[in-house]
Amino acid sequence: MPHRIDIDGISENLFILQNLSLASRTFCEKYRINRYSEGESEFDWYYYLGWLKSIVSEKLIECAIKVRILQDFLREEAEEIHFADLDQRACSGLALEQFHLGSDPLTLREACNKILHATEVSLVWEDVTSEEEDEREADGDRPEYWKGNVMLEGTKGNREWKLELYIVDFCIALERLLSELGDSVDWYHIYRDDT
């Protein structure tokens, strides 16, 4: 095996990514996070965005690299694994993305490629809305939160692509893939025989 991959580390990153996605609205509401706000706050827009984008980027890159290494290794070592079928089962019932430019079919492997080859990466934000909005919030001072999606842009060959990756569903699909690989691959013997 070319590298020993910490599969539990991938799962840990997926857990963190899902929690960041699902907690953003509550955090941003509590601290009134808004890119245009001029008010004093313990956690302002730049603090939140700086930490959030850094952590999300690092966790996505780490997962994508490790999953790609696993797939490439297992394609050669475990011929009985049919990755196209495994990918379909892992993604079943989930929506991983929305293409805004380009339209290549998005398998988990291709999603990892898009993460690794993106030349532009941004988080997708949404305003917090509620029925009890007051006038101040209605004028554009309402909190914003990360909606759990990442916009990835790049080129493949001479074609541009732009896709919105839905982090929660992407994480669920990768967890399913890792779980099924865990049931199919004898990691003990692979690592034991590794010299």
C-alpha atoms as a PDB file:
ATOM      1  CA  MET A   1       0.000   0.000   0.000  1.00  0.00           C
ATOM      2  CA  PRO A   2       1.467   3.368  -0.925  1.00  0.00           C
ATOM      3  CA  HIS A   3       0.294   5.144   2.275  1.00  0.00           C
ATOM      4  CA  ARG A   4      -1.483   4.037   5.398  1.00  0.00           C
ATOM      5  CA  ILE A   5      -4.751   5.930   5.402  1.00  0.00           C
ATOM      6  CA  ASP A   6      -6.475   6.827   8.659  1.00  0.00           C
ATOM      7  CA  ILE A   7     -10.043   5.961   7.676  1.00  0.00           C
ATOM      8  CA  ASP A   8     -11.337   6.995  11.095  1.00  0.00           C
ATOM      9  CA  GLY A   9      -9.712  10.378  10.434  1.00  0.00           C
ATOM     10  CA  ILE A  10     -11.795  10.717   7.257  1.00  0.00           C
ATOM     11  CA  SER A  11     -14.934   9.916   9.248  1.00  0.00           C
ATOM     12  CA  GLU A  12     -13.938  12.467  11.887  1.00  0.00           C
ATOM     13  CA  ASN A  13     -13.569  15.161   9.213  1.00  0.00           C
ATOM     14  CA  LEU A  14     -16.938  14.229   7.716  1.00  0.00           C
ATOM     15  CA  PHE A  15     -18.508  14.495  11.173  1.00  0.00           C
ATOM     16  CA  ILE A  16     -16.978  17.961  11.689  1.00  0.00           C
ATOM     17  CA  LEU A  17     -18.111  19.154   8.239  1.00  0.00           C
ATOM     18  CA  GLN A  18     -21.690  18.033   8.832  1.00  0.00           C
ATOM     19  CA  ASN A  19     -21.792  19.675  12.245  1.00  0.00           C
ATOM     20  CA  LEU A  20     -20.400  22.957  10.918  1.00  0.00           C
ATOM     21  CA  SER A  21     -23.019  22.873   8.156  1.00  0.00           C
ATOM     22  CA  LEU A  22     -25.910  22.226  10.483  1.00  0.00           C
ATOM     23  CA  ALA A  23     -24.772  24.570  13.285  1.00  0.00           C
ATOM     24  CA  SER A  24     -24.070  27.646  11.171  1.00  0.00           C
ATOM     25  CA  ARG A  25     -27.535  29.135  11.320  1.00  0.00           C
ATOM     26  CA  THR A  26     -27.758  28.920  15.103  1.00  0.00           C
ATOM     27  CA  PHE A  27     -24.254  30.365  15.586  1.00  0.00           C
ATOM     28  CA  CYS A  28     -24.855  33.216  13.149  1.00  0.00           C
ATOM     29  CA  GLU A  29     -28.223  34.080  14.687  1.00  0.00           C
ATOM     30  CA  LYS A  30     -26.769  34.096  18.204  1.00  0.00           C
ATOM     31  CA  TYR A  31     -23.889  36.429  17.272  1.00  0.00           C
ATOM     32  CA  ARG A  32     -25.771  38.409  14.590  1.00  0.00           C
ATOM     33  CA  ILE A  33     -23.172  37.531  11.934  1.00  0.00           C
ATOM     34  CA  ASN A  34     -23.606  39.760   8.884  1.00  0.00           C
ATOM     35  CA  ARG A  35     -20.982  40.912   6.385  1.00  0.00           C
ATOM     36  CA  TYR A  36     -22.407  44.465   6.370  1.00  0.00           C
ATOM     37  CA  SER A  37     -22.897  44.850  10.111  1.00  0.00           C
ATOM     38  CA  GLU A  38     -20.930  47.643  11.731  1.00  0.00           C
ATOM     39  CA  GLY A  39     -21.989  46.830  15.272  1.00  0.00           C
ATOM     40  CA  GLU A  40     -19.652  45.458  17.910  1.00  0.00           C
ATOM     41  CA  SER A  41     -19.848  41.718  18.358  1.00  0.00           C
ATOM     42  CA  GLU A  42     -17.765  39.122  20.096  1.00  0.00           C
ATOM     43  CA  PHE A  43     -17.653  37.168  16.850  1.00  0.00           C
ATOM     44  CA  ASP A  44     -17.887  39.299  13.731  1.00  0.00           C
ATOM     45  CA  TRP A  45     -18.173  38.401  10.063  1.00  0.00           C
ATOM     46  CA  TYR A  46     -14.428  38.254   9.380  1.00  0.00           C
ATOM     47  CA  TYR A  47     -13.716  36.137  12.436  1.00  0.00           C
ATOM     48  CA  TYR A  48     -16.446  33.651  11.529  1.00  0.00           C
ATOM     49  CA  LEU A  49     -15.714  33.542   7.794  1.00  0.00           C
ATOM     50  CA  GLY A  50     -11.986  33.219   8.357  1.00  0.00           C
ATOM     51  CA  TRP A  51     -12.263  30.228  10.653  1.00  0.00           C
ATOM     52  CA  LEU A  52     -15.144  28.600   8.809  1.00  0.00           C
ATOM     53  CA  LYS A  53     -13.659  28.717   5.309  1.00  0.00           C
ATOM     54  CA  SER A  54     -10.276  27.579   6.559  1.00  0.00           C
ATOM     55  CA  ILE A  55     -11.690  24.582   8.425  1.00  0.00           C
ATOM     56  CA  VAL A  56     -14.125  23.602   5.661  1.00  0.00           C
ATOM     57  CA  SER A  57     -11.410  23.820   2.998  1.00  0.00           C
ATOM     58  CA  GLU A  58      -8.889  21.804   5.021  1.00  0.00           C
ATOM     59  CA  LYS A  59     -11.387  19.070   5.902  1.00  0.00           C
ATOM     60  CA  LEU A  60     -12.687  18.775   2.328  1.00  0.00           C
ATOM     61  CA  ILE A  61      -9.180  18.608   0.858  1.00  0.00           C
ATOM     62  CA  GLU A  62      -8.045  16.026   3.382  1.00  0.00           C
ATOM     63  CA  CYS A  63     -11.098  13.822   2.754  1.00  0.00           C
ATOM     64  CA  ALA A  64     -10.816  14.131  -1.027  1.00  0.00           C
ATOM     65  CA  ILE A  65      -7.120  13.228  -1.091  1.00  0.00           C
ATOM     66  CA  LYS A  66      -7.495  10.243   1.204  1.00  0.00           C
ATOM     67  CA  VAL A  67     -10.587   8.876  -0.547  1.00  0.00           C
ATOM     68  CA  ARG A  68      -8.880   9.179  -3.949  1.00  0.00           C
ATOM     69  CA  ILE A  69      -5.794   7.334  -2.647  1.00  0.00           C
ATOM     70  CA  LEU A  70      -8.020   4.579  -1.229  1.00  0.00           C
ATOM     71  CA  GLN A  71      -9.954   4.246  -4.473  1.00  0.00           C
ATOM     72  CA  ASP A  72      -6.811   4.115  -6.614  1.00  0.00           C
ATOM     73  CA  PHE A  73      -5.191   1.532  -4.353  1.00  0.00           C
ATOM     74  CA  LEU A  74      -8.285  -0.657  -4.113  1.00  0.00           C
ATOM     75  CA  ARG A  75      -8.894  -0.576  -7.879  1.00  0.00           C
ATOM     76  CA  GLU A  76      -5.636  -2.496  -8.226  1.00  0.00           C
ATOM     77  CA  GLU A  77      -5.750  -4.618  -5.072  1.00  0.00           C
ATOM     78  CA  ALA A  78      -9.438  -5.502  -4.707  1.00  0.00           C
ATOM     79  CA  GLU A  79     -10.763  -6.264  -8.180  1.00  0.00           C
ATOM     80  CA  GLU A  80     -13.977  -7.690  -6.709  1.00  0.00           C
ATOM     81  CA  ILE A  81     -15.066  -4.178  -5.685  1.00  0.00           C
ATOM     82  CA  HIS A  82     -17.172  -2.539  -8.377  1.00  0.00           C
ATOM     83  CA  PHE A  83     -16.732   1.165  -7.724  1.00  0.00           C
ATOM     84  CA  ALA A  84     -19.473   2.313 -10.085  1.00  0.00           C
ATOM     85  CA  ASP A  85     -22.038   0.193  -8.197  1.00  0.00           C
ATOM     86  CA  LEU A  86     -20.600   1.194  -4.832  1.00  0.00           C
ATOM     87  CA  ASP A  87     -20.800   4.863  -5.804  1.00  0.00           C
ATOM     88  CA  GLN A  88     -24.454   4.526  -6.879  1.00  0.00           C
ATOM     89  CA  ARG A  89     -25.389   2.854  -3.600  1.00  0.00           C
ATOM     90  CA  ALA A  90     -23.502   5.459  -1.560  1.00  0.00           C
ATOM     91  CA  CYS A  91     -25.252   8.335  -3.370  1.00  0.00           C
ATOM     92  CA  SER A  92     -28.711   6.746  -3.458  1.00  0.00           C
ATOM     93  CA  GLY A  93     -31.414   9.191  -2.368  1.00  0.00           C
ATOM     94  CA  LEU A  94     -28.944  12.069  -1.934  1.00  0.00           C
ATOM     95  CA  ALA A  95     -28.359  15.257  -3.900  1.00  0.00           C
ATOM     96  CA  LEU A  96     -24.634  15.988  -3.990  1.00  0.00           C
ATOM     97  CA  GLU A  97     -24.556  19.001  -6.244  1.00  0.00           C
ATOM     98  CA  GLN A  98     -26.073  21.480  -8.601  1.00  0.00           C
ATOM     99  CA  PHE A  99     -24.070  22.388 -11.686  1.00  0.00           C
ATOM    100  CA  HIS A 100     -24.140  26.073 -12.579  1.00  0.00           C
ATOM    101  CA  LEU A 101     -21.770  25.620 -15.537  1.00  0.00           C
ATOM    102  CA  GLY A 102     -20.855  22.291 -17.107  1.00  0.00           C
ATOM    103  CA  SER A 103     -22.667  19.048 -16.478  1.00  0.00           C
ATOM    104  CA  ASP A 104     -20.313  16.106 -16.054  1.00  0.00           C
ATOM    105  CA  PRO A 105     -21.913  13.268 -14.118  1.00  0.00           C
ATOM    106  CA  LEU A 106     -20.826  13.670 -10.507  1.00  0.00           C
ATOM    107  CA  THR A 107     -19.635  10.469  -8.898  1.00  0.00           C
ATOM    108  CA  LEU A 108     -17.963  10.607  -5.506  1.00  0.00           C
ATOM    109  CA  ARG A 109     -14.611  10.239  -7.254  1.00  0.00           C
ATOM    110  CA  GLU A 110     -15.420  13.184  -9.535  1.00  0.00           C
ATOM    111  CA  ALA A 111     -16.628  15.235  -6.551  1.00  0.00           C
ATOM    112  CA  CYS A 112     -13.249  14.619  -4.906  1.00  0.00           C
ATOM    113  CA  ASN A 113     -11.539  15.665  -8.146  1.00  0.00           C
ATOM    114  CA  LYS A 114     -13.581  18.884  -8.249  1.00  0.00           C
ATOM    115  CA  ILE A 115     -12.588  19.667  -4.646  1.00  0.00           C
ATOM    116  CA  LEU A 116      -8.906  19.119  -5.446  1.00  0.00           C
ATOM    117  CA  HIS A 117      -8.842  20.957  -8.782  1.00  0.00           C
ATOM    118  CA  ALA A 118     -11.061  23.940  -7.960  1.00  0.00           C
ATOM    119  CA  THR A 119      -9.390  27.255  -8.677  1.00  0.00           C
ATOM    120  CA  GLU A 120     -12.160  29.264  -6.967  1.00  0.00           C
ATOM    121  CA  VAL A 121     -13.853  28.174  -3.745  1.00  0.00           C
ATOM    122  CA  SER A 122     -16.535  30.089  -1.871  1.00  0.00           C
ATOM    123  CA  LEU A 123     -19.093  29.330   0.790  1.00  0.00           C
ATOM    124  CA  VAL A 124     -22.768  29.821  -0.070  1.00  0.00           C
ATOM    125  CA  TRP A 125     -24.582  32.155   2.341  1.00  0.00           C
ATOM    126  CA  GLU A 126     -28.239  32.756   3.093  1.00  0.00           C
ATOM    127  CA  ASP A 127     -30.059  35.401   5.104  1.00  0.00           C
ATOM    128  CA  VAL A 128     -31.792  34.271   8.264  1.00  0.00           C
ATOM    129  CA  THR A 129     -35.485  34.916   7.799  1.00  0.00           C
ATOM    130  CA  SER A 130     -38.294  34.589  10.258  1.00  0.00           C
ATOM    131  CA  GLU A 131     -41.870  35.709  10.567  1.00  0.00           C
ATOM    132  CA  GLU A 132     -40.933  38.046  13.427  1.00  0.00           C
ATOM    133  CA  GLU A 133     -38.473  40.151  11.380  1.00  0.00           C
ATOM    134  CA  ASP A 134     -38.257  43.710  12.562  1.00  0.00           C
ATOM    135  CA  GLU A 135     -37.687  46.699  10.275  1.00  0.00           C
ATOM    136  CA  ARG A 136     -33.949  46.813  10.943  1.00  0.00           C
ATOM    137  CA  GLU A 137     -33.512  43.230   9.801  1.00  0.00           C
ATOM    138  CA  ALA A 138     -35.766  43.731   6.800  1.00  0.00           C
ATOM    139  CA  ASP A 139     -33.446  46.519   5.611  1.00  0.00           C
ATOM    140  CA  GLY A 140     -30.528  44.106   5.117  1.00  0.00           C
ATOM    141  CA  ASP A 141     -29.081  43.892   8.629  1.00  0.00           C
ATOM    142  CA  ARG A 142     -30.381  40.412   9.372  1.00  0.00           C
ATOM    143  CA  PRO A 143     -27.873  37.680  10.167  1.00  0.00           C
ATOM    144  CA  GLU A 144     -26.447  35.522   7.415  1.00  0.00           C
ATOM    145  CA  TYR A 145     -25.418  31.918   7.796  1.00  0.00           C
ATOM    146  CA  TRP A 146     -23.476  29.365   5.779  1.00  0.00           C
ATOM    147  CA  LYS A 147     -26.059  27.198   4.162  1.00  0.00           C
ATOM    148  CA  GLY A 148     -23.755  24.183   4.091  1.00  0.00           C
ATOM    149  CA  ASN A 149     -22.869  24.414   0.405  1.00  0.00           C
ATOM    150  CA  VAL A 150     -19.547  25.173  -1.232  1.00  0.00           C
ATOM    151  CA  MET A 151     -19.263  26.736  -4.685  1.00  0.00           C
ATOM    152  CA  LEU A 152     -16.381  25.179  -6.611  1.00  0.00           C
ATOM    153  CA  GLU A 153     -15.136  26.542  -9.934  1.00  0.00           C
ATOM    154  CA  GLY A 154     -12.418  25.449 -12.317  1.00  0.00           C
ATOM    155  CA  THR A 155     -11.619  24.111 -15.743  1.00  0.00           C
ATOM    156  CA  LYS A 156     -11.320  20.602 -17.135  1.00  0.00           C
ATOM    157  CA  GLY A 157      -9.364  20.670 -20.355  1.00  0.00           C
ATOM    158  CA  ASN A 158     -10.570  23.874 -21.968  1.00  0.00           C
ATOM    159  CA  ARG A 159     -14.099  23.683 -20.491  1.00  0.00           C
ATOM    160  CA  GLU A 160     -15.088  25.744 -17.480  1.00  0.00           C
ATOM    161  CA  TRP A 161     -17.204  24.215 -14.743  1.00  0.00           C
ATOM    162  CA  LYS A 162     -18.950  25.591 -11.687  1.00  0.00           C
ATOM    163  CA  LEU A 163     -20.751  23.457  -9.172  1.00  0.00           C
ATOM    164  CA  GLU A 164     -22.408  23.897  -5.815  1.00  0.00           C
ATOM    165  CA  LEU A 165     -21.449  20.957  -3.604  1.00  0.00           C
ATOM    166  CA  TYR A 166     -23.974  20.075  -0.896  1.00  0.00           C
ATOM    167  CA  ILE A 167     -21.723  19.223   2.041  1.00  0.00           C
ATOM    168  CA  VAL A 168     -24.134  17.267   4.250  1.00  0.00           C
ATOM    169  CA  ASP A 169     -25.189  14.864   1.482  1.00  0.00           C
ATOM    170  CA  PHE A 170     -21.589  14.591   0.237  1.00  0.00           C
ATOM    171  CA  CYS A 171     -20.497  13.598   3.750  1.00  0.00           C
ATOM    172  CA  ILE A 172     -23.298  11.052   4.105  1.00  0.00           C
ATOM    173  CA  ALA A 173     -22.360   9.484   0.757  1.00  0.00           C
ATOM    174  CA  LEU A 174     -18.675   9.266   1.703  1.00  0.00           C
ATOM    175  CA  GLU A 175     -19.590   7.692   5.057  1.00  0.00           C
ATOM    176  CA  ARG A 176     -21.683   5.092   3.227  1.00  0.00           C
ATOM    177  CA  LEU A 177     -18.791   4.394   0.858  1.00  0.00           C
ATOM    178  CA  LEU A 178     -16.303   3.999   3.734  1.00  0.00           C
ATOM    179  CA  SER A 179     -18.715   1.768   5.630  1.00  0.00           C
ATOM    180  CA  GLU A 180     -19.199  -0.525   2.678  1.00  0.00           C
ATOM    181  CA  LEU A 181     -15.461  -0.626   2.000  1.00  0.00           C
ATOM    182  CA  GLY A 182     -14.941  -1.502   5.668  1.00  0.00           C
ATOM    183  CA  ASP A 183     -17.256  -4.486   5.202  1.00  0.00           C
ATOM    184  CA  SER A 184     -15.620  -5.554   1.911  1.00  0.00           C
ATOM    185  CA  VAL A 185     -11.899  -5.045   2.457  1.00  0.00           C
ATOM    186  CA  ASP A 186      -9.660  -7.008   4.812  1.00  0.00           C
ATOM    187  CA  TRP A 187      -7.620  -4.036   6.026  1.00  0.00           C
ATOM    188  CA  TYR A 188      -5.820  -6.152   8.627  1.00  0.00           C
ATOM    189  CA  HIS A 189      -4.199  -8.350   5.994  1.00  0.00           C
ATOM    190  CA  ILE A 190      -3.443  -5.423   3.698  1.00  0.00           C
ATOM    191  CA  TYR A 191      -1.625  -3.580   6.477  1.00  0.00           C
ATOM    192  CA  ARG A 192      -0.053  -6.717   7.988  1.00  0.00           C
ATOM    193  CA  ASP A 193       1.504  -7.679   4.676  1.00  0.00           C
ATOM    194  CA  ASP A 194       2.730  -4.139   4.063  1.00  0.00           C
ATOM    195  CA  THR A 195       6.496  -4.069   4.442  1.00  0.00           C
END
